Amino acid sequence: MKNNFGEILEEKLKKLKIRQNTLRIGINVSQTLVSHWINNRKEITPARARDIEIFTEGLIKRDELCDDILMTKEEYMQWSK
């Protein structure tokens, strides 16, 4: 089953009024990569999902964009409590 993380990303960006170009600059990736994500040509990696969450100050959650969740040690310690 193919995921729809790209559709989720596109919908969230529109809702937050964040342009693809703004996202790509904010997380330092190419416009092509953002386009591939949105069109489900490439999966969003755990590291990039985390970058998106940080860039949007938590308004887009990493677990909405990726099945595998990448956490820092500090995040894991907080989560595991």
C-alpha atoms as a PDB file:
ATOM      1  CA  MET A   1       0.000   0.000   0.000  1.00  0.00           C
ATOM      2  CA  LYS A   2       1.418   3.357  -1.020  1.00  0.00           C
ATOM      3  CA  ASN A   3       1.475   6.023   1.643  1.00  0.00           C
ATOM      4  CA  ASN A   4      -0.068   9.437   1.166  1.00  0.00           C
ATOM      5  CA  PHE A   5       2.462  11.419   3.155  1.00  0.00           C
ATOM      6  CA  GLY A   6       2.956  13.775   0.205  1.00  0.00           C
ATOM      7  CA  GLU A   7      -0.738  14.592   0.130  1.00  0.00           C
ATOM      8  CA  ILE A   8      -0.666  15.202   3.870  1.00  0.00           C
ATOM      9  CA  LEU A   9       2.336  17.508   3.494  1.00  0.00           C
ATOM     10  CA  GLU A  10       0.692  19.449   0.675  1.00  0.00           C
ATOM     11  CA  GLU A  11      -2.556  19.825   2.625  1.00  0.00           C
ATOM     12  CA  LYS A  12      -0.755  20.983   5.784  1.00  0.00           C
ATOM     13  CA  LEU A  13       1.386  23.491   3.870  1.00  0.00           C
ATOM     14  CA  LYS A  14      -1.710  24.975   2.253  1.00  0.00           C
ATOM     15  CA  LYS A  15      -3.540  25.161   5.576  1.00  0.00           C
ATOM     16  CA  LEU A  16      -0.565  26.918   7.189  1.00  0.00           C
ATOM     17  CA  LYS A  17      -0.035  29.112   4.108  1.00  0.00           C
ATOM     18  CA  ILE A  18       3.549  27.928   3.740  1.00  0.00           C
ATOM     19  CA  ARG A  19       4.788  27.875   0.177  1.00  0.00           C
ATOM     20  CA  GLN A  20       6.851  24.970  -1.091  1.00  0.00           C
ATOM     21  CA  ASN A  21       9.702  27.374  -1.791  1.00  0.00           C
ATOM     22  CA  THR A  22       9.612  28.662   1.778  1.00  0.00           C
ATOM     23  CA  LEU A  23       9.767  25.100   3.086  1.00  0.00           C
ATOM     24  CA  ARG A  24      12.641  24.122   0.820  1.00  0.00           C
ATOM     25  CA  ILE A  25      14.686  27.141   1.885  1.00  0.00           C
ATOM     26  CA  GLY A  26      13.822  26.589   5.540  1.00  0.00           C
ATOM     27  CA  ILE A  27      15.023  22.990   5.564  1.00  0.00           C
ATOM     28  CA  ASN A  28      17.732  23.417   2.910  1.00  0.00           C
ATOM     29  CA  VAL A  29      16.513  21.015   0.215  1.00  0.00           C
ATOM     30  CA  SER A  30      15.843  21.412  -3.486  1.00  0.00           C
ATOM     31  CA  GLN A  31      12.507  22.400  -4.973  1.00  0.00           C
ATOM     32  CA  THR A  32      12.651  19.147  -6.932  1.00  0.00           C
ATOM     33  CA  LEU A  33      12.810  17.118  -3.720  1.00  0.00           C
ATOM     34  CA  VAL A  34       9.816  18.943  -2.221  1.00  0.00           C
ATOM     35  CA  SER A  35       7.908  18.329  -5.460  1.00  0.00           C
ATOM     36  CA  HIS A  36       8.836  14.636  -5.373  1.00  0.00           C
ATOM     37  CA  TRP A  37       7.544  14.386  -1.803  1.00  0.00           C
ATOM     38  CA  ILE A  38       4.256  16.066  -2.623  1.00  0.00           C
ATOM     39  CA  ASN A  39       3.735  13.889  -5.682  1.00  0.00           C
ATOM     40  CA  ASN A  40       4.708  10.748  -3.728  1.00  0.00           C
ATOM     41  CA  ARG A  41       7.663  10.049  -6.004  1.00  0.00           C
ATOM     42  CA  LYS A  42      10.028   9.939  -3.019  1.00  0.00           C
ATOM     43  CA  GLU A  43       9.381   9.152   0.591  1.00  0.00           C
ATOM     44  CA  ILE A  44      10.073  11.706   3.275  1.00  0.00           C
ATOM     45  CA  THR A  45      12.949  10.391   5.359  1.00  0.00           C
ATOM     46  CA  PRO A  46      12.785  10.399   9.153  1.00  0.00           C
ATOM     47  CA  ALA A  47      15.463  13.115   9.276  1.00  0.00           C
ATOM     48  CA  ARG A  48      13.568  15.351   6.845  1.00  0.00           C
ATOM     49  CA  ALA A  49      10.274  14.736   8.643  1.00  0.00           C
ATOM     50  CA  ARG A  50      11.997  15.944  11.813  1.00  0.00           C
ATOM     51  CA  ASP A  51      13.364  18.980   9.945  1.00  0.00           C
ATOM     52  CA  ILE A  52       9.855  19.839   8.740  1.00  0.00           C
ATOM     53  CA  GLU A  53       8.466  19.521  12.253  1.00  0.00           C
ATOM     54  CA  ILE A  54      11.184  21.804  13.619  1.00  0.00           C
ATOM     55  CA  PHE A  55      10.789  24.325  10.789  1.00  0.00           C
ATOM     56  CA  THR A  56       7.014  24.523  11.306  1.00  0.00           C
ATOM     57  CA  GLU A  57       7.486  24.722  15.070  1.00  0.00           C
ATOM     58  CA  GLY A  58       5.517  21.522  15.544  1.00  0.00           C
ATOM     59  CA  LEU A  59       2.536  22.513  13.413  1.00  0.00           C
ATOM     60  CA  ILE A  60       3.356  19.637  11.076  1.00  0.00           C
ATOM     61  CA  LYS A  61       4.277  16.577  13.119  1.00  0.00           C
ATOM     62  CA  ARG A  62       6.971  14.195  11.919  1.00  0.00           C
ATOM     63  CA  ASP A  63       4.756  11.161  12.523  1.00  0.00           C
ATOM     64  CA  GLU A  64       2.238  12.584  10.037  1.00  0.00           C
ATOM     65  CA  LEU A  65       4.898  12.479   7.323  1.00  0.00           C
ATOM     66  CA  CYS A  66       6.862   9.323   7.953  1.00  0.00           C
ATOM     67  CA  ASP A  67       6.289   5.846   9.365  1.00  0.00           C
ATOM     68  CA  ASP A  68       9.727   5.716  10.963  1.00  0.00           C
ATOM     69  CA  ILE A  69      10.312   8.326  13.614  1.00  0.00           C
ATOM     70  CA  LEU A  70      13.777   9.747  14.168  1.00  0.00           C
ATOM     71  CA  MET A  71      14.345  11.089  17.659  1.00  0.00           C
ATOM     72  CA  THR A  72      17.269  12.678  19.372  1.00  0.00           C
ATOM     73  CA  LYS A  73      18.372  11.088  22.631  1.00  0.00           C
ATOM     74  CA  GLU A  74      16.714  13.927  24.561  1.00  0.00           C
ATOM     75  CA  GLU A  75      13.444  13.486  22.668  1.00  0.00           C
ATOM     76  CA  TYR A  76      13.510   9.753  23.284  1.00  0.00           C
ATOM     77  CA  MET A  77      14.104  10.236  27.008  1.00  0.00           C
ATOM     78  CA  GLN A  78      11.173  12.650  27.194  1.00  0.00           C
ATOM     79  CA  TRP A  79       8.940  10.348  25.128  1.00  0.00           C
ATOM     80  CA  SER A  80       9.783   7.225  27.133  1.00  0.00           C
ATOM     81  CA  LYS A  81       8.745   8.734  30.485  1.00  0.00           C
END
